[in-house]
Amino acid sequence: MNLMIFLEGGAGALIGMWPIILMFVVIYFFMIRPQARKNKEQNNFVKEMEKGDTVVLSSGIVGKITKMEDHFVQLQVDNKTFLRVAKSAISKEMSDLLQEEKKEE
């Protein structure tokens, strides 16, 4: 008799865990996985940048890459105006939009 009560309690506890497990699965597929994919695309974009590319910083500044270092790039934003910025400040999304606008013109 006591054995039957023990077995019934275990099954109920497992069924009670399904909503929590389902919640973690949903969070993973709708939040964590897309963000990881976005970070991977950003890292690939930064690695593929070359001297002469026109990019947009996350602050909205547009410039042309004139010099590349390990973690920094030098951008020419005007005739004699140069900025040294971190590669992580370059926005893939905004740079892609800039390239699309140039193609349309």
N, C-alpha and C. Protein backbone atom coordinates (compact mmCIF):
# COMPACT_ATOMS: atom_id res chain seq x y z
N MET A 1 0.82 -1.19 0.00
CA MET A 1 0.00 0.00 0.00
C MET A 1 0.87 1.26 0.00
N ASN A 2 1.86 1.28 0.86
CA ASN A 2 2.75 2.43 0.91
C ASN A 2 3.52 2.58 -0.40
N LEU A 3 3.82 1.46 -1.03
CA LEU A 3 4.54 1.49 -2.30
C LEU A 3 3.70 2.17 -3.38
N MET A 4 2.42 1.93 -3.41
CA MET A 4 1.54 2.54 -4.39
C MET A 4 1.48 4.05 -4.21
N ILE A 5 1.45 4.52 -3.01
CA ILE A 5 1.41 5.97 -2.74
C ILE A 5 2.72 6.61 -3.22
N PHE A 6 3.83 5.94 -2.98
CA PHE A 6 5.14 6.46 -3.39
C PHE A 6 5.22 6.59 -4.92
N LEU A 7 4.74 5.58 -5.63
CA LEU A 7 4.80 5.61 -7.09
C LEU A 7 3.88 6.68 -7.67
N GLU A 8 2.73 6.85 -7.09
CA GLU A 8 1.81 7.87 -7.58
C GLU A 8 2.37 9.27 -7.36
N GLY A 9 3.04 9.51 -6.28
CA GLY A 9 3.62 10.82 -6.00
C GLY A 9 4.73 11.17 -6.97
N GLY A 10 5.51 10.20 -7.37
CA GLY A 10 6.60 10.45 -8.30
C GLY A 10 6.10 10.86 -9.67
N ALA A 11 5.06 10.24 -10.15
CA ALA A 11 4.52 10.57 -11.46
C ALA A 11 3.92 11.97 -11.46
N GLY A 12 3.27 12.34 -10.38
CA GLY A 12 2.68 13.67 -10.29
C GLY A 12 3.73 14.76 -10.27
N ALA A 13 4.85 14.49 -9.63
CA ALA A 13 5.93 15.48 -9.57
C ALA A 13 6.54 15.68 -10.96
N LEU A 14 6.66 14.60 -11.72
CA LEU A 14 7.21 14.70 -13.06
C LEU A 14 6.27 15.49 -13.98
N ILE A 15 5.00 15.24 -13.86
CA ILE A 15 4.02 15.97 -14.66
C ILE A 15 4.03 17.45 -14.28
N GLY A 16 4.23 17.74 -13.02
CA GLY A 16 4.30 19.12 -12.57
C GLY A 16 5.52 19.87 -13.08
N MET A 17 6.55 19.15 -13.48
CA MET A 17 7.78 19.77 -13.99
C MET A 17 7.68 20.13 -15.48
N TRP A 18 6.74 19.54 -16.22
CA TRP A 18 6.64 19.79 -17.65
C TRP A 18 6.44 21.26 -18.00
N PRO A 19 5.60 22.01 -17.33
CA PRO A 19 5.47 23.44 -17.68
C PRO A 19 6.78 24.21 -17.52
N ILE A 20 7.55 23.88 -16.50
CA ILE A 20 8.83 24.57 -16.29
C ILE A 20 9.81 24.20 -17.40
N ILE A 21 9.87 22.91 -17.74
CA ILE A 21 10.76 22.46 -18.81
C ILE A 21 10.35 23.11 -20.13
N LEU A 22 9.06 23.14 -20.41
CA LEU A 22 8.55 23.76 -21.63
C LEU A 22 8.90 25.24 -21.67
N MET A 23 8.82 25.91 -20.55
CA MET A 23 9.16 27.33 -20.48
C MET A 23 10.63 27.56 -20.85
N PHE A 24 11.54 26.73 -20.34
CA PHE A 24 12.95 26.87 -20.68
C PHE A 24 13.22 26.59 -22.16
N VAL A 25 12.51 25.62 -22.71
CA VAL A 25 12.67 25.32 -24.14
C VAL A 25 12.22 26.51 -24.98
N VAL A 26 11.09 27.10 -24.64
CA VAL A 26 10.57 28.26 -25.37
C VAL A 26 11.54 29.43 -25.25
N ILE A 27 12.04 29.69 -24.06
CA ILE A 27 13.00 30.79 -23.87
C ILE A 27 14.25 30.55 -24.71
N TYR A 28 14.73 29.33 -24.75
CA TYR A 28 15.93 29.02 -25.53
C TYR A 28 15.70 29.31 -27.02
N PHE A 29 14.60 28.81 -27.57
CA PHE A 29 14.38 28.94 -29.01
C PHE A 29 13.94 30.33 -29.44
N PHE A 30 13.31 31.10 -28.56
CA PHE A 30 12.84 32.43 -28.96
C PHE A 30 13.72 33.57 -28.48
N MET A 31 14.64 33.32 -27.55
CA MET A 31 15.47 34.41 -27.04
C MET A 31 16.96 34.12 -27.15
N ILE A 32 17.41 33.02 -26.62
CA ILE A 32 18.84 32.75 -26.53
C ILE A 32 19.43 32.38 -27.89
N ARG A 33 18.80 31.48 -28.60
CA ARG A 33 19.33 31.02 -29.89
C ARG A 33 19.39 32.14 -30.94
N PRO A 34 18.34 32.95 -31.11
CA PRO A 34 18.44 34.05 -32.09
C PRO A 34 19.53 35.07 -31.72
N GLN A 35 19.69 35.35 -30.44
CA GLN A 35 20.73 36.29 -30.03
C GLN A 35 22.12 35.72 -30.31
N ALA A 36 22.31 34.44 -30.08
CA ALA A 36 23.60 33.81 -30.37
C ALA A 36 23.89 33.85 -31.87
N ARG A 37 22.88 33.63 -32.69
CA ARG A 37 23.04 33.69 -34.14
C ARG A 37 23.41 35.12 -34.58
N LYS A 38 22.75 36.10 -33.98
CA LYS A 38 23.03 37.50 -34.30
C LYS A 38 24.46 37.87 -33.92
N ASN A 39 24.92 37.41 -32.76
CA ASN A 39 26.29 37.67 -32.33
C ASN A 39 27.30 37.02 -33.28
N LYS A 40 26.99 35.83 -33.74
CA LYS A 40 27.89 35.13 -34.66
C LYS A 40 27.98 35.89 -35.99
N GLU A 41 26.85 36.38 -36.50
CA GLU A 41 26.85 37.16 -37.73
C GLU A 41 27.66 38.45 -37.56
N GLN A 42 27.52 39.12 -36.42
CA GLN A 42 28.27 40.35 -36.15
C GLN A 42 29.77 40.06 -36.12
N ASN A 43 30.17 38.98 -35.45
CA ASN A 43 31.58 38.62 -35.38
C ASN A 43 32.15 38.30 -36.76
N ASN A 44 31.38 37.58 -37.58
CA ASN A 44 31.83 37.29 -38.94
C ASN A 44 31.96 38.56 -39.77
N PHE A 45 31.02 39.49 -39.59
CA PHE A 45 31.06 40.77 -40.30
C PHE A 45 32.32 41.54 -39.94
N VAL A 46 32.66 41.58 -38.65
CA VAL A 46 33.84 42.30 -38.20
C VAL A 46 35.11 41.64 -38.74
N LYS A 47 35.15 40.32 -38.78
CA LYS A 47 36.33 39.61 -39.29
C LYS A 47 36.53 39.84 -40.79
N GLU A 48 35.43 39.99 -41.54
CA GLU A 48 35.50 40.13 -42.99
C GLU A 48 35.71 41.57 -43.45
N MET A 49 35.72 42.54 -42.54
CA MET A 49 35.91 43.93 -42.93
C MET A 49 37.29 44.11 -43.54
N GLU A 50 37.37 44.99 -44.52
CA GLU A 50 38.63 45.26 -45.18
C GLU A 50 38.86 46.77 -45.26
N LYS A 51 40.09 47.13 -45.51
CA LYS A 51 40.44 48.52 -45.70
C LYS A 51 39.69 49.04 -46.92
N GLY A 52 39.05 50.20 -46.78
CA GLY A 52 38.28 50.78 -47.87
C GLY A 52 36.79 50.58 -47.74
N ASP A 53 36.33 49.71 -46.85
CA ASP A 53 34.90 49.49 -46.64
C ASP A 53 34.28 50.69 -45.94
N THR A 54 33.07 51.03 -46.32
CA THR A 54 32.32 52.08 -45.64
C THR A 54 31.41 51.41 -44.62
N VAL A 55 31.51 51.86 -43.37
CA VAL A 55 30.76 51.24 -42.29
C VAL A 55 30.05 52.32 -41.47
N VAL A 56 29.11 51.87 -40.64
CA VAL A 56 28.37 52.75 -39.75
C VAL A 56 28.61 52.27 -38.32
N LEU A 57 28.94 53.21 -37.44
CA LEU A 57 29.10 52.86 -36.03
C LEU A 57 27.73 52.77 -35.37
N SER A 58 27.67 52.15 -34.22
CA SER A 58 26.40 52.03 -33.51
C SER A 58 25.87 53.40 -33.09
N SER A 59 26.73 54.42 -33.04
CA SER A 59 26.30 55.77 -32.71
C SER A 59 25.77 56.53 -33.92
N GLY A 60 25.92 55.95 -35.12
CA GLY A 60 25.40 56.57 -36.33
C GLY A 60 26.46 57.25 -37.18
N ILE A 61 27.70 57.26 -36.77
CA ILE A 61 28.77 57.88 -37.54
C ILE A 61 29.14 56.98 -38.72
N VAL A 62 29.23 57.59 -39.90
CA VAL A 62 29.57 56.85 -41.12
C VAL A 62 31.02 57.18 -41.48
N GLY A 63 31.80 56.16 -41.81
CA GLY A 63 33.18 56.40 -42.18
C GLY A 63 33.73 55.29 -43.05
N LYS A 64 34.89 55.58 -43.63
CA LYS A 64 35.58 54.63 -44.49
C LYS A 64 36.81 54.12 -43.75
N ILE A 65 37.00 52.81 -43.73
CA ILE A 65 38.12 52.21 -43.01
C ILE A 65 39.42 52.53 -43.75
N THR A 66 40.37 53.16 -43.01
CA THR A 66 41.67 53.49 -43.61
C THR A 66 42.81 52.68 -43.01
N LYS A 67 42.62 52.16 -41.81
CA LYS A 67 43.67 51.41 -41.14
C LYS A 67 43.02 50.40 -40.21
N MET A 68 43.56 49.18 -40.17
CA MET A 68 43.00 48.14 -39.31
C MET A 68 44.05 47.63 -38.35
N GLU A 69 43.65 47.45 -37.10
CA GLU A 69 44.49 46.87 -36.06
C GLU A 69 43.76 45.66 -35.50
N ASP A 70 44.30 45.07 -34.43
CA ASP A 70 43.67 43.88 -33.85
C ASP A 70 42.26 44.16 -33.36
N HIS A 71 42.10 45.16 -32.51
CA HIS A 71 40.80 45.44 -31.91
C HIS A 71 40.24 46.80 -32.30
N PHE A 72 40.98 47.56 -33.08
CA PHE A 72 40.56 48.91 -33.45
C PHE A 72 40.67 49.11 -34.95
N VAL A 73 39.91 50.08 -35.46
CA VAL A 73 40.03 50.51 -36.85
C VAL A 73 40.11 52.02 -36.87
N GLN A 74 40.72 52.54 -37.91
CA GLN A 74 40.75 53.98 -38.11
C GLN A 74 39.78 54.30 -39.22
N LEU A 75 38.86 55.23 -38.96
CA LEU A 75 37.85 55.61 -39.94
C LEU A 75 38.12 57.03 -40.41
N GLN A 76 37.94 57.25 -41.70
CA GLN A 76 37.97 58.60 -42.24
C GLN A 76 36.52 59.04 -42.38
N VAL A 77 36.14 60.06 -41.59
CA VAL A 77 34.75 60.51 -41.60
C VAL A 77 34.57 61.78 -42.42
N ASP A 78 35.68 62.48 -42.73
CA ASP A 78 35.66 63.67 -43.57
C ASP A 78 37.03 63.76 -44.25
N ASN A 79 37.28 64.82 -44.99
CA ASN A 79 38.54 64.92 -45.73
C ASN A 79 39.77 64.67 -44.87
N LYS A 80 39.91 65.39 -43.77
CA LYS A 80 41.09 65.24 -42.92
C LYS A 80 40.70 64.87 -41.49
N THR A 81 39.57 64.24 -41.32
CA THR A 81 39.10 63.86 -40.00
C THR A 81 39.11 62.34 -39.87
N PHE A 82 39.88 61.87 -38.90
CA PHE A 82 40.02 60.43 -38.68
C PHE A 82 39.61 60.10 -37.25
N LEU A 83 38.97 58.96 -37.08
CA LEU A 83 38.59 58.47 -35.75
C LEU A 83 39.16 57.07 -35.56
N ARG A 84 39.66 56.81 -34.37
CA ARG A 84 40.10 55.46 -34.02
C ARG A 84 39.03 54.87 -33.11
N VAL A 85 38.38 53.81 -33.57
CA VAL A 85 37.26 53.23 -32.82
C VAL A 85 37.45 51.73 -32.67
N ALA A 86 36.78 51.18 -31.67
CA ALA A 86 36.80 49.73 -31.45
C ALA A 86 35.98 49.04 -32.54
N LYS A 87 36.45 47.87 -32.94
CA LYS A 87 35.72 47.10 -33.96
C LYS A 87 34.32 46.73 -33.48
N SER A 88 34.17 46.56 -32.18
CA SER A 88 32.86 46.17 -31.64
C SER A 88 31.84 47.29 -31.76
N ALA A 89 32.27 48.53 -32.04
CA ALA A 89 31.35 49.65 -32.18
C ALA A 89 30.73 49.71 -33.57
N ILE A 90 31.20 48.88 -34.48
CA ILE A 90 30.68 48.89 -35.85
C ILE A 90 29.43 48.03 -35.91
N SER A 91 28.37 48.60 -36.47
CA SER A 91 27.07 47.94 -36.51
C SER A 91 26.86 47.25 -37.86
N LYS A 92 26.62 45.96 -37.82
CA LYS A 92 26.37 45.20 -39.05
C LYS A 92 25.06 45.63 -39.70
N GLU A 93 24.01 45.78 -38.91
CA GLU A 93 22.70 46.10 -39.45
C GLU A 93 22.71 47.46 -40.15
N MET A 94 23.28 48.47 -39.49
CA MET A 94 23.30 49.81 -40.08
C MET A 94 24.21 49.86 -41.30
N SER A 95 25.31 49.13 -41.27
CA SER A 95 26.22 49.10 -42.42
C SER A 95 25.55 48.41 -43.60
N ASP A 96 24.78 47.36 -43.35
CA ASP A 96 24.05 46.68 -44.42
C ASP A 96 23.00 47.62 -45.03
N LEU A 97 22.31 48.41 -44.18
CA LEU A 97 21.33 49.37 -44.69
C LEU A 97 22.01 50.42 -45.57
N LEU A 98 23.18 50.87 -45.16
CA LEU A 98 23.93 51.86 -45.95
C LEU A 98 24.29 51.29 -47.31
N GLN A 99 24.72 50.04 -47.36
CA GLN A 99 25.08 49.40 -48.63
C GLN A 99 23.86 49.25 -49.53
N GLU A 100 22.70 48.93 -48.96
CA GLU A 100 21.47 48.80 -49.75
C GLU A 100 21.06 50.14 -50.34
N GLU A 101 21.20 51.23 -49.55
CA GLU A 101 20.85 52.56 -50.04
C GLU A 101 21.75 52.96 -51.20
N LYS A 102 23.03 52.62 -51.11
CA LYS A 102 23.96 52.97 -52.20
C LYS A 102 23.62 52.20 -53.47
N LYS A 103 23.17 50.96 -53.34
CA LYS A 103 22.81 50.16 -54.52
C LYS A 103 21.57 50.73 -55.20
N GLU A 104 20.63 51.26 -54.41
CA GLU A 104 19.40 51.82 -54.97
C GLU A 104 19.67 53.10 -55.75
N GLU A 105 20.69 53.85 -55.37
CA GLU A 105 20.99 55.13 -56.04
C GLU A 105 21.70 54.94 -57.31
